[in-house]
Each structure stands twice: as structure tokens, then as C-alpha cells.
Amino acid sequence: MNKTAFITGASSGIGLELAHVFAKHGDDLVLAARSRSKLDKLKEELEKQHNIKVYNISKDLSFPNSAKEVYEEIKQQNIIVDYLINNAGFGDYGMFYETDWNKEERMINLNITTLTHFTKLFLKDMIARGNGKIMNVASTAAFQSGPTMAVYYATKAYVLNFTEAINNEVKGKGVTMTALCPGATTSGFMEAAALNDSKLFRGRKLPSSKEVAEYGYKAMMKGKTVAIHGIMNYILANSVRFFPRAMVVKVTRFIQDT
């Protein structure tokens, strides 16, 4: 019997590539994103190529109570979720005193509240069954503060710390939690966050979303708690603890400036 992976933010970037990876391994899918047309196209492609079942949910997960509504829809379809992948999220670029609060509120809702609520809902079911895996997509941004992307960095720090804490709580219950921490990646994130011209992305050869997705899948299956993609990202993420915090913040600001 096929297992089922529920992936949020599945219409593009790392989420889309994760859908391909799980399908390739013979898993059925529940895919959530805002774009119904993109999801339907992906469903047709994956079902044809891999002989699996795909159930799509078109929903903006940045709205309050969206996690509960999606969870109840999945339960009504009698679908058992074996793997939860909280991938949906976005960032924004600019000085906090100039940026749009409405966008930041949606960011917090999506990156933190919806992710946490999905984890709460599906984790209870997994513990009751004695098996399951959850992967929350954080970022190397989680390891330091991020001037010009203050709220985004803060949300990813939450995801990392939350995931590590819950993984400790569920030891011995047949469930594992993984925080996937990619660095700068070729995806739609750059455009959405208006980061194309920053030093973080400009002129760099970046890993593809496919590479990150394949790495994340393997890390989750191994039950790895914190999975940092790329050796340089690993070194940089862990080196910040050895430098004064004020210096780390200044360096981060320099890298992200255009």
C-alpha cells in the first residue's frame, strides 16, 4: 500500500521538486498551493508518469484557520498522511520601517502559524499510529538575524527551534522531525522577495530546487533533525556562533544589500 505525502507550497520551487521526488518513490500525494491550474497540471503529469494518486487543494495558507480547514478536508477524503512537508513560505526585502505590514502579517501567518498548526494536527495522528515523518522547511537564515529581511529571518529561526524542540519531545514515539535549511537556491523565492539584485544572489551559481529537494528527502528519511544543504552553507551556519553577534549582523546586512 502506497504511503502519502502532504506537501504545501507544491506549485513551484522546492515544493514542486519534492512532489516529483516523492512520486518517483511511489508515494501518493496531497498537494496544496494557491494556483489551481499549476496544481492540476502537476497532478496530471505525476499520475501519468508514476502511476500514483494525487489530491489537490487550492488554498491560500496565509489566512487564519486555513490549516484546520485543509486538515478537515484531508480527513473527509479518508487520506492518511504519512509524511508532512511544511514547505510553503515567502520572504520580503526592505527596511522594516518601510515595508508593508499586511504582507508581513501574511508571512508570519504562513511561515509560522500555519506550519505550527499543521504540525500540531498531523503529529497527533502520527503518534497515535506510531509512525510518521514531518519536514519543516527552514533556511540558513535561521542561524542569524537578517537586516533588510528582519521578519523573514525571524520566522525561519522559529521554524528551526520549533522543529528541534518537537523532535526531542517525540523521541521513542515512531515519529521524526526534520528542519531542512537550504541556502540561496534557484527558485521563485528571489523574485517574490525582490532579491534578484542583492549580493546574496547576484552572479552566484546557486544549487537548483531539485538538488535541495532530493537532499531534503534523504535527510527526512534518515530522521535527521537539522539538514543544512551544501558544505559551505553548513560551515557558515555553524560558524556564526564563534563570532560576536553584532559582527554577524553587519556581515549579513552587507551580503544582502544590493
C-alpha atoms as a PDB file:
ATOM      1  CA  MET A   1       0.000   0.000   0.000  1.00  0.00           C
ATOM      2  CA  ASN A   2       1.346   3.400  -1.007  1.00  0.00           C
ATOM      3  CA  LYS A   3       2.237   5.922   1.642  1.00  0.00           C
ATOM      4  CA  THR A   4       1.030   9.530   1.287  1.00  0.00           C
ATOM      5  CA  ALA A   5       2.980  12.771   1.483  1.00  0.00           C
ATOM      6  CA  PHE A   6       1.251  16.098   2.065  1.00  0.00           C
ATOM      7  CA  ILE A   7       3.290  18.973   0.612  1.00  0.00           C
ATOM      8  CA  THR A   8       2.424  22.654   0.997  1.00  0.00           C
ATOM      9  CA  GLY A   9       3.655  25.241  -1.490  1.00  0.00           C
ATOM     10  CA  ALA A  10       3.819  22.491  -4.105  1.00  0.00           C
ATOM     11  CA  SER A  11       3.244  24.511  -7.274  1.00  0.00           C
ATOM     12  CA  SER A  12       6.825  25.813  -7.677  1.00  0.00           C
ATOM     13  CA  GLY A  13      10.401  25.736  -6.411  1.00  0.00           C
ATOM     14  CA  ILE A  14      11.453  23.242  -3.759  1.00  0.00           C
ATOM     15  CA  GLY A  15       7.850  22.168  -3.102  1.00  0.00           C
ATOM     16  CA  LEU A  16       7.288  21.198  -6.718  1.00  0.00           C
ATOM     17  CA  GLU A  17      10.551  19.269  -6.828  1.00  0.00           C
ATOM     18  CA  LEU A  18       9.672  17.489  -3.593  1.00  0.00           C
ATOM     19  CA  ALA A  19       6.433  16.381  -5.225  1.00  0.00           C
ATOM     20  CA  HIS A  20       8.468  14.844  -8.050  1.00  0.00           C
ATOM     21  CA  VAL A  21      10.818  13.119  -5.592  1.00  0.00           C
ATOM     22  CA  PHE A  22       8.037  11.543  -3.528  1.00  0.00           C
ATOM     23  CA  ALA A  23       6.156  10.493  -6.675  1.00  0.00           C
ATOM     24  CA  LYS A  24       9.314   8.868  -8.041  1.00  0.00           C
ATOM     25  CA  HIS A  25       9.478   6.781  -4.873  1.00  0.00           C
ATOM     26  CA  GLY A  26       5.892   5.606  -5.385  1.00  0.00           C
ATOM     27  CA  ASP A  27       4.150   7.741  -2.783  1.00  0.00           C
ATOM     28  CA  ASP A  28       0.666   9.169  -3.250  1.00  0.00           C
ATOM     29  CA  LEU A  29       0.420  12.918  -2.776  1.00  0.00           C
ATOM     30  CA  VAL A  30      -1.731  15.646  -1.331  1.00  0.00           C
ATOM     31  CA  LEU A  31      -0.582  18.951  -2.798  1.00  0.00           C
ATOM     32  CA  ALA A  32      -1.559  22.404  -1.556  1.00  0.00           C
ATOM     33  CA  ALA A  33      -0.890  25.776  -3.177  1.00  0.00           C
ATOM     34  CA  ARG A  34      -2.793  28.847  -4.304  1.00  0.00           C
ATOM     35  CA  SER A  35      -2.702  28.128  -8.045  1.00  0.00           C
ATOM     36  CA  ARG A  36      -5.301  25.556  -9.075  1.00  0.00           C
ATOM     37  CA  SER A  37      -4.075  25.491 -12.692  1.00  0.00           C
ATOM     38  CA  LYS A  38      -0.468  24.737 -11.691  1.00  0.00           C
ATOM     39  CA  LEU A  39      -1.587  22.019  -9.286  1.00  0.00           C
ATOM     40  CA  ASP A  40      -3.844  20.396 -11.864  1.00  0.00           C
ATOM     41  CA  LYS A  41      -1.048  20.361 -14.429  1.00  0.00           C
ATOM     42  CA  LEU A  42       1.310  18.795 -11.898  1.00  0.00           C
ATOM     43  CA  LYS A  43      -1.290  16.217 -10.862  1.00  0.00           C
ATOM     44  CA  GLU A  44      -1.785  15.102 -14.464  1.00  0.00           C
ATOM     45  CA  GLU A  45       1.963  14.835 -15.021  1.00  0.00           C
ATOM     46  CA  LEU A  46       2.755  12.898 -11.850  1.00  0.00           C
ATOM     47  CA  GLU A  47      -0.163  10.472 -12.085  1.00  0.00           C
ATOM     48  CA  LYS A  48       0.727   9.663 -15.673  1.00  0.00           C
ATOM     49  CA  GLN A  49       4.452   9.222 -15.078  1.00  0.00           C
ATOM     50  CA  HIS A  50       4.400   7.358 -11.778  1.00  0.00           C
ATOM     51  CA  ASN A  51       1.008   5.628 -11.520  1.00  0.00           C
ATOM     52  CA  ILE A  52       0.171   7.276  -8.204  1.00  0.00           C
ATOM     53  CA  LYS A  53      -2.803   9.198  -6.835  1.00  0.00           C
ATOM     54  CA  VAL A  54      -2.646  12.976  -6.348  1.00  0.00           C
ATOM     55  CA  TYR A  55      -5.234  15.009  -4.465  1.00  0.00           C
ATOM     56  CA  ASN A  56      -5.025  18.784  -4.900  1.00  0.00           C
ATOM     57  CA  ILE A  57      -6.126  21.541  -2.542  1.00  0.00           C
ATOM     58  CA  SER A  58      -6.119  25.096  -3.882  1.00  0.00           C
ATOM     59  CA  LYS A  59      -5.892  27.430  -0.900  1.00  0.00           C
ATOM     60  CA  ASP A  60      -4.058  30.491   0.383  1.00  0.00           C
ATOM     61  CA  LEU A  61      -2.492  29.140   3.564  1.00  0.00           C
ATOM     62  CA  SER A  62      -1.610  32.587   4.883  1.00  0.00           C
ATOM     63  CA  PHE A  63      -5.202  33.072   6.066  1.00  0.00           C
ATOM     64  CA  PRO A  64      -6.210  32.248   9.653  1.00  0.00           C
ATOM     65  CA  ASN A  65      -7.690  28.766  10.224  1.00  0.00           C
ATOM     66  CA  SER A  66      -6.540  27.563   6.795  1.00  0.00           C
ATOM     67  CA  ALA A  67      -4.577  24.681   8.335  1.00  0.00           C
ATOM     68  CA  LYS A  68      -7.631  23.352  10.190  1.00  0.00           C
ATOM     69  CA  GLU A  69      -9.776  23.642   7.050  1.00  0.00           C
ATOM     70  CA  VAL A  70      -7.234  21.745   4.938  1.00  0.00           C
ATOM     71  CA  TYR A  71      -6.756  19.103   7.636  1.00  0.00           C
ATOM     72  CA  GLU A  72     -10.507  18.502   7.832  1.00  0.00           C
ATOM     73  CA  GLU A  73     -10.741  18.219   4.037  1.00  0.00           C
ATOM     74  CA  ILE A  74      -7.988  15.609   4.018  1.00  0.00           C
ATOM     75  CA  LYS A  75      -9.728  13.657   6.785  1.00  0.00           C
ATOM     76  CA  GLN A  76     -13.025  13.793   4.882  1.00  0.00           C
ATOM     77  CA  GLN A  77     -11.240  12.167   1.920  1.00  0.00           C
ATOM     78  CA  ASN A  78     -10.108   9.350   4.240  1.00  0.00           C
ATOM     79  CA  ILE A  79      -6.480  10.091   3.418  1.00  0.00           C
ATOM     80  CA  ILE A  80      -3.823   9.096   5.944  1.00  0.00           C
ATOM     81  CA  VAL A  81      -0.806  11.405   5.795  1.00  0.00           C
ATOM     82  CA  ASP A  82       2.448   9.561   6.466  1.00  0.00           C
ATOM     83  CA  TYR A  83       4.754  12.450   5.570  1.00  0.00           C
ATOM     84  CA  LEU A  84       4.002  16.114   6.256  1.00  0.00           C
ATOM     85  CA  ILE A  85       6.180  18.622   4.407  1.00  0.00           C
ATOM     86  CA  ASN A  86       5.612  22.200   5.558  1.00  0.00           C
ATOM     87  CA  ASN A  87       7.280  23.920   2.624  1.00  0.00           C
ATOM     88  CA  ALA A  88       5.025  26.908   1.909  1.00  0.00           C
ATOM     89  CA  GLY A  89       6.546  30.243   2.842  1.00  0.00           C
ATOM     90  CA  PHE A  90       7.786  33.530   1.445  1.00  0.00           C
ATOM     91  CA  GLY A  91      10.020  36.476   2.302  1.00  0.00           C
ATOM     92  CA  ASP A  92      10.224  40.188   1.669  1.00  0.00           C
ATOM     93  CA  TYR A  93      13.087  42.628   1.226  1.00  0.00           C
ATOM     94  CA  GLY A  94      13.386  46.136   2.626  1.00  0.00           C
ATOM     95  CA  MET A  95      13.769  48.216   5.753  1.00  0.00           C
ATOM     96  CA  PHE A  96      11.233  47.130   8.356  1.00  0.00           C
ATOM     97  CA  TYR A  97      10.045  50.699   8.923  1.00  0.00           C
ATOM     98  CA  GLU A  98       9.238  50.968   5.200  1.00  0.00           C
ATOM     99  CA  THR A  99       7.816  47.543   4.369  1.00  0.00           C
ATOM    100  CA  ASP A 100       4.149  46.578   4.119  1.00  0.00           C
ATOM    101  CA  TRP A 101       2.661  45.285   7.372  1.00  0.00           C
ATOM    102  CA  ASN A 102      -0.130  43.394   5.612  1.00  0.00           C
ATOM    103  CA  LYS A 103       2.439  41.379   3.675  1.00  0.00           C
ATOM    104  CA  GLU A 104       4.470  40.737   6.817  1.00  0.00           C
ATOM    105  CA  GLU A 105       1.411  39.614   8.729  1.00  0.00           C
ATOM    106  CA  ARG A 106       0.656  37.114   5.966  1.00  0.00           C
ATOM    107  CA  MET A 107       4.293  35.993   6.082  1.00  0.00           C
ATOM    108  CA  ILE A 108       4.101  35.335   9.815  1.00  0.00           C
ATOM    109  CA  ASN A 109       0.780  33.527   9.393  1.00  0.00           C
ATOM    110  CA  LEU A 110       2.178  31.280   6.658  1.00  0.00           C
ATOM    111  CA  ASN A 111       5.762  30.739   7.786  1.00  0.00           C
ATOM    112  CA  ILE A 112       4.906  30.258  11.469  1.00  0.00           C
ATOM    113  CA  THR A 113       1.223  29.898  12.363  1.00  0.00           C
ATOM    114  CA  THR A 114       0.066  27.597   9.562  1.00  0.00           C
ATOM    115  CA  LEU A 115       3.227  25.478   9.793  1.00  0.00           C
ATOM    116  CA  THR A 116       2.791  25.098  13.545  1.00  0.00           C
ATOM    117  CA  HIS A 117      -0.899  24.271  13.278  1.00  0.00           C
ATOM    118  CA  PHE A 118      -0.344  21.631  10.577  1.00  0.00           C
ATOM    119  CA  THR A 119       2.344  20.076  12.756  1.00  0.00           C
ATOM    120  CA  LYS A 120       0.014  20.030  15.759  1.00  0.00           C
ATOM    121  CA  LEU A 121      -2.830  18.418  13.812  1.00  0.00           C
ATOM    122  CA  PHE A 122      -0.937  15.745  11.903  1.00  0.00           C
ATOM    123  CA  LEU A 123       1.549  14.960  14.680  1.00  0.00           C
ATOM    124  CA  LYS A 124      -1.241  13.741  16.948  1.00  0.00           C
ATOM    125  CA  ASP A 125      -2.370  11.278  14.267  1.00  0.00           C
ATOM    126  CA  MET A 126       1.187  10.089  13.637  1.00  0.00           C
ATOM    127  CA  ILE A 127       1.844   9.484  17.330  1.00  0.00           C
ATOM    128  CA  ALA A 128      -1.434   7.569  17.645  1.00  0.00           C
ATOM    129  CA  ARG A 129      -0.321   5.307  14.748  1.00  0.00           C
ATOM    130  CA  GLY A 130       3.258   5.077  15.995  1.00  0.00           C
ATOM    131  CA  ASN A 131       4.837   6.259  12.750  1.00  0.00           C
ATOM    132  CA  GLY A 132       5.279   9.315  10.540  1.00  0.00           C
ATOM    133  CA  LYS A 133       7.735  11.951   9.428  1.00  0.00           C
ATOM    134  CA  ILE A 134       7.500  15.743   9.323  1.00  0.00           C
ATOM    135  CA  MET A 135       9.830  18.059   7.452  1.00  0.00           C
ATOM    136  CA  ASN A 136       9.640  21.804   8.050  1.00  0.00           C
ATOM    137  CA  VAL A 137      11.475  23.921   5.509  1.00  0.00           C
ATOM    138  CA  ALA A 138      13.538  26.487   7.387  1.00  0.00           C
ATOM    139  CA  SER A 139      16.618  28.181   5.908  1.00  0.00           C
ATOM    140  CA  THR A 140      20.229  29.031   6.651  1.00  0.00           C
ATOM    141  CA  ALA A 141      18.615  32.385   7.531  1.00  0.00           C
ATOM    142  CA  ALA A 142      17.522  30.664  10.746  1.00  0.00           C
ATOM    143  CA  PHE A 143      21.033  30.860  12.211  1.00  0.00           C
ATOM    144  CA  GLN A 144      21.387  34.656  12.437  1.00  0.00           C
ATOM    145  CA  SER A 145      19.469  37.933  12.328  1.00  0.00           C
ATOM    146  CA  GLY A 146      18.803  39.432   8.905  1.00  0.00           C
ATOM    147  CA  PRO A 147      18.692  43.205   8.418  1.00  0.00           C
ATOM    148  CA  THR A 148      16.553  44.143   5.379  1.00  0.00           C
ATOM    149  CA  MET A 149      14.708  40.812   5.794  1.00  0.00           C
ATOM    150  CA  ALA A 150      14.130  41.005   9.532  1.00  0.00           C
ATOM    151  CA  VAL A 151      10.743  39.294   9.712  1.00  0.00           C
ATOM    152  CA  TYR A 152      11.654  36.503   7.289  1.00  0.00           C
ATOM    153  CA  TYR A 153      14.840  35.611   9.166  1.00  0.00           C
ATOM    154  CA  ALA A 154      12.945  35.650  12.445  1.00  0.00           C
ATOM    155  CA  THR A 155      10.271  33.298  11.097  1.00  0.00           C
ATOM    156  CA  LYS A 156      12.899  30.808   9.940  1.00  0.00           C
ATOM    157  CA  ALA A 157      14.650  30.935  13.318  1.00  0.00           C
ATOM    158  CA  TYR A 158      11.297  29.974  14.818  1.00  0.00           C
ATOM    159  CA  VAL A 159      10.915  27.052  12.401  1.00  0.00           C
ATOM    160  CA  LEU A 160      14.366  25.699  13.245  1.00  0.00           C
ATOM    161  CA  ASN A 161      13.976  25.989  17.021  1.00  0.00           C
ATOM    162  CA  PHE A 162      10.414  24.680  16.985  1.00  0.00           C
ATOM    163  CA  THR A 163      11.385  21.642  14.917  1.00  0.00           C
ATOM    164  CA  GLU A 164      14.353  20.759  17.124  1.00  0.00           C
ATOM    165  CA  ALA A 165      12.221  21.049  20.270  1.00  0.00           C
ATOM    166  CA  ILE A 166       9.363  18.902  18.987  1.00  0.00           C
ATOM    167  CA  ASN A 167      11.780  16.289  17.663  1.00  0.00           C
ATOM    168  CA  ASN A 168      13.070  15.926  21.215  1.00  0.00           C
ATOM    169  CA  GLU A 169       9.528  15.583  22.570  1.00  0.00           C
ATOM    170  CA  VAL A 170       8.591  12.756  20.181  1.00  0.00           C
ATOM    171  CA  LYS A 171      11.648  10.556  20.758  1.00  0.00           C
ATOM    172  CA  GLY A 172      10.566   6.933  21.028  1.00  0.00           C
ATOM    173  CA  LYS A 173       7.126   7.550  19.504  1.00  0.00           C
ATOM    174  CA  GLY A 174       7.963   6.430  15.945  1.00  0.00           C
ATOM    175  CA  VAL A 175       7.918   9.974  14.560  1.00  0.00           C
ATOM    176  CA  THR A 176      10.805  12.163  13.409  1.00  0.00           C
ATOM    177  CA  MET A 177      11.038  15.905  12.759  1.00  0.00           C
ATOM    178  CA  THR A 178      13.444  17.419  10.234  1.00  0.00           C
ATOM    179  CA  ALA A 179      14.292  21.077   9.662  1.00  0.00           C
ATOM    180  CA  LEU A 180      15.545  21.477   6.090  1.00  0.00           C
ATOM    181  CA  CYS A 181      17.823  24.523   5.887  1.00  0.00           C
ATOM    182  CA  PRO A 182      18.705  25.447   2.299  1.00  0.00           C
ATOM    183  CA  GLY A 183      20.826  28.454   1.479  1.00  0.00           C
ATOM    184  CA  ALA A 184      20.311  30.645  -1.566  1.00  0.00           C
ATOM    185  CA  THR A 185      18.595  28.464  -4.178  1.00  0.00           C
ATOM    186  CA  THR A 186      17.420  28.874  -7.751  1.00  0.00           C
ATOM    187  CA  SER A 187      13.649  29.176  -7.309  1.00  0.00           C
ATOM    188  CA  GLY A 188      10.802  31.672  -7.428  1.00  0.00           C
ATOM    189  CA  PHE A 189      11.761  32.904  -3.967  1.00  0.00           C
ATOM    190  CA  MET A 190      14.183  35.520  -5.335  1.00  0.00           C
ATOM    191  CA  GLU A 191      11.514  37.252  -7.400  1.00  0.00           C
ATOM    192  CA  ALA A 192       8.883  37.028  -4.676  1.00  0.00           C
ATOM    193  CA  ALA A 193      11.226  38.592  -2.132  1.00  0.00           C
ATOM    194  CA  ALA A 194      12.663  41.161  -4.614  1.00  0.00           C
ATOM    195  CA  LEU A 195      16.167  39.817  -4.022  1.00  0.00           C
ATOM    196  CA  ASN A 196      17.452  39.395  -7.577  1.00  0.00           C
ATOM    197  CA  ASP A 197      19.957  42.248  -7.310  1.00  0.00           C
ATOM    198  CA  SER A 198      21.277  41.520  -3.812  1.00  0.00           C
ATOM    199  CA  LYS A 199      24.832  40.231  -3.289  1.00  0.00           C
ATOM    200  CA  LEU A 200      23.266  37.082  -1.859  1.00  0.00           C
ATOM    201  CA  PHE A 201      22.102  36.027  -5.336  1.00  0.00           C
ATOM    202  CA  ARG A 202      23.773  38.246  -7.938  1.00  0.00           C
ATOM    203  CA  GLY A 203      26.413  36.480 -10.039  1.00  0.00           C
ATOM    204  CA  ARG A 204      26.396  33.288  -7.968  1.00  0.00           C
ATOM    205  CA  LYS A 205      25.970  29.760  -9.250  1.00  0.00           C
ATOM    206  CA  LEU A 206      23.231  28.507  -6.996  1.00  0.00           C
ATOM    207  CA  PRO A 207      22.000  24.973  -6.334  1.00  0.00           C
ATOM    208  CA  SER A 208      18.754  24.041  -8.012  1.00  0.00           C
ATOM    209  CA  SER A 209      15.480  23.401  -6.232  1.00  0.00           C
ATOM    210  CA  LYS A 210      15.753  19.794  -7.429  1.00  0.00           C
ATOM    211  CA  GLU A 211      19.096  19.321  -5.670  1.00  0.00           C
ATOM    212  CA  VAL A 212      17.723  20.746  -2.431  1.00  0.00           C
ATOM    213  CA  ALA A 213      14.559  18.625  -2.670  1.00  0.00           C
ATOM    214  CA  GLU A 214      16.496  15.396  -3.189  1.00  0.00           C
ATOM    215  CA  TYR A 215      18.799  16.235  -0.281  1.00  0.00           C
ATOM    216  CA  GLY A 216      15.836  17.087   1.953  1.00  0.00           C
ATOM    217  CA  TYR A 217      14.036  13.845   1.097  1.00  0.00           C
ATOM    218  CA  LYS A 218      17.061  11.738   2.017  1.00  0.00           C
ATOM    219  CA  ALA A 219      17.617  13.674   5.246  1.00  0.00           C
ATOM    220  CA  MET A 220      13.996  13.259   6.284  1.00  0.00           C
ATOM    221  CA  MET A 221      14.012   9.535   5.548  1.00  0.00           C
ATOM    222  CA  LYS A 222      17.135   9.152   7.697  1.00  0.00           C
ATOM    223  CA  GLY A 223      15.421  11.039  10.516  1.00  0.00           C
ATOM    224  CA  LYS A 224      17.998  13.830  10.516  1.00  0.00           C
ATOM    225  CA  THR A 225      16.903  16.693  12.774  1.00  0.00           C
ATOM    226  CA  VAL A 226      18.731  19.625  11.146  1.00  0.00           C
ATOM    227  CA  ALA A 227      19.623  19.243   7.476  1.00  0.00           C
ATOM    228  CA  ILE A 228      21.759  22.053   6.024  1.00  0.00           C
ATOM    229  CA  HIS A 229      22.194  21.733   2.283  1.00  0.00           C
ATOM    230  CA  GLY A 230      25.714  22.338   0.919  1.00  0.00           C
ATOM    231  CA  ILE A 231      29.073  22.147   2.679  1.00  0.00           C
ATOM    232  CA  MET A 232      29.670  25.913   2.573  1.00  0.00           C
ATOM    233  CA  ASN A 233      26.212  26.588   3.959  1.00  0.00           C
ATOM    234  CA  TYR A 234      26.910  24.089   6.739  1.00  0.00           C
ATOM    235  CA  ILE A 235      30.196  25.765   7.613  1.00  0.00           C
ATOM    236  CA  LEU A 236      28.750  29.278   7.540  1.00  0.00           C
ATOM    237  CA  ALA A 237      25.637  28.363   9.529  1.00  0.00           C
ATOM    238  CA  ASN A 238      27.705  26.783  12.287  1.00  0.00           C
ATOM    239  CA  SER A 239      30.493  29.370  12.281  1.00  0.00           C
ATOM    240  CA  VAL A 240      28.257  32.261  13.366  1.00  0.00           C
ATOM    241  CA  ARG A 241      28.316  31.036  16.957  1.00  0.00           C
ATOM    242  CA  PHE A 242      32.059  31.774  17.148  1.00  0.00           C
ATOM    243  CA  PHE A 243      31.787  35.455  16.226  1.00  0.00           C
ATOM    244  CA  PRO A 244      30.279  38.430  18.068  1.00  0.00           C
ATOM    245  CA  ARG A 245      26.593  38.732  17.213  1.00  0.00           C
ATOM    246  CA  ALA A 246      26.989  42.386  16.205  1.00  0.00           C
ATOM    247  CA  MET A 247      29.604  41.380  13.632  1.00  0.00           C
ATOM    248  CA  VAL A 248      27.406  38.624  12.223  1.00  0.00           C
ATOM    249  CA  VAL A 249      24.516  41.058  11.782  1.00  0.00           C
ATOM    250  CA  LYS A 250      26.762  43.542   9.952  1.00  0.00           C
ATOM    251  CA  VAL A 251      28.077  40.858   7.599  1.00  0.00           C
ATOM    252  CA  THR A 252      24.561  39.617   6.876  1.00  0.00           C
ATOM    253  CA  ARG A 253      23.462  43.170   6.052  1.00  0.00           C
ATOM    254  CA  PHE A 254      26.437  43.601   3.688  1.00  0.00           C
ATOM    255  CA  ILE A 255      25.664  40.366   1.835  1.00  0.00           C
ATOM    256  CA  GLN A 256      22.004  41.232   1.353  1.00  0.00           C
ATOM    257  CA  ASP A 257      22.462  44.831   0.223  1.00  0.00           C
ATOM    258  CA  THR A 258      22.026  45.491  -3.466  1.00  0.00           C
END
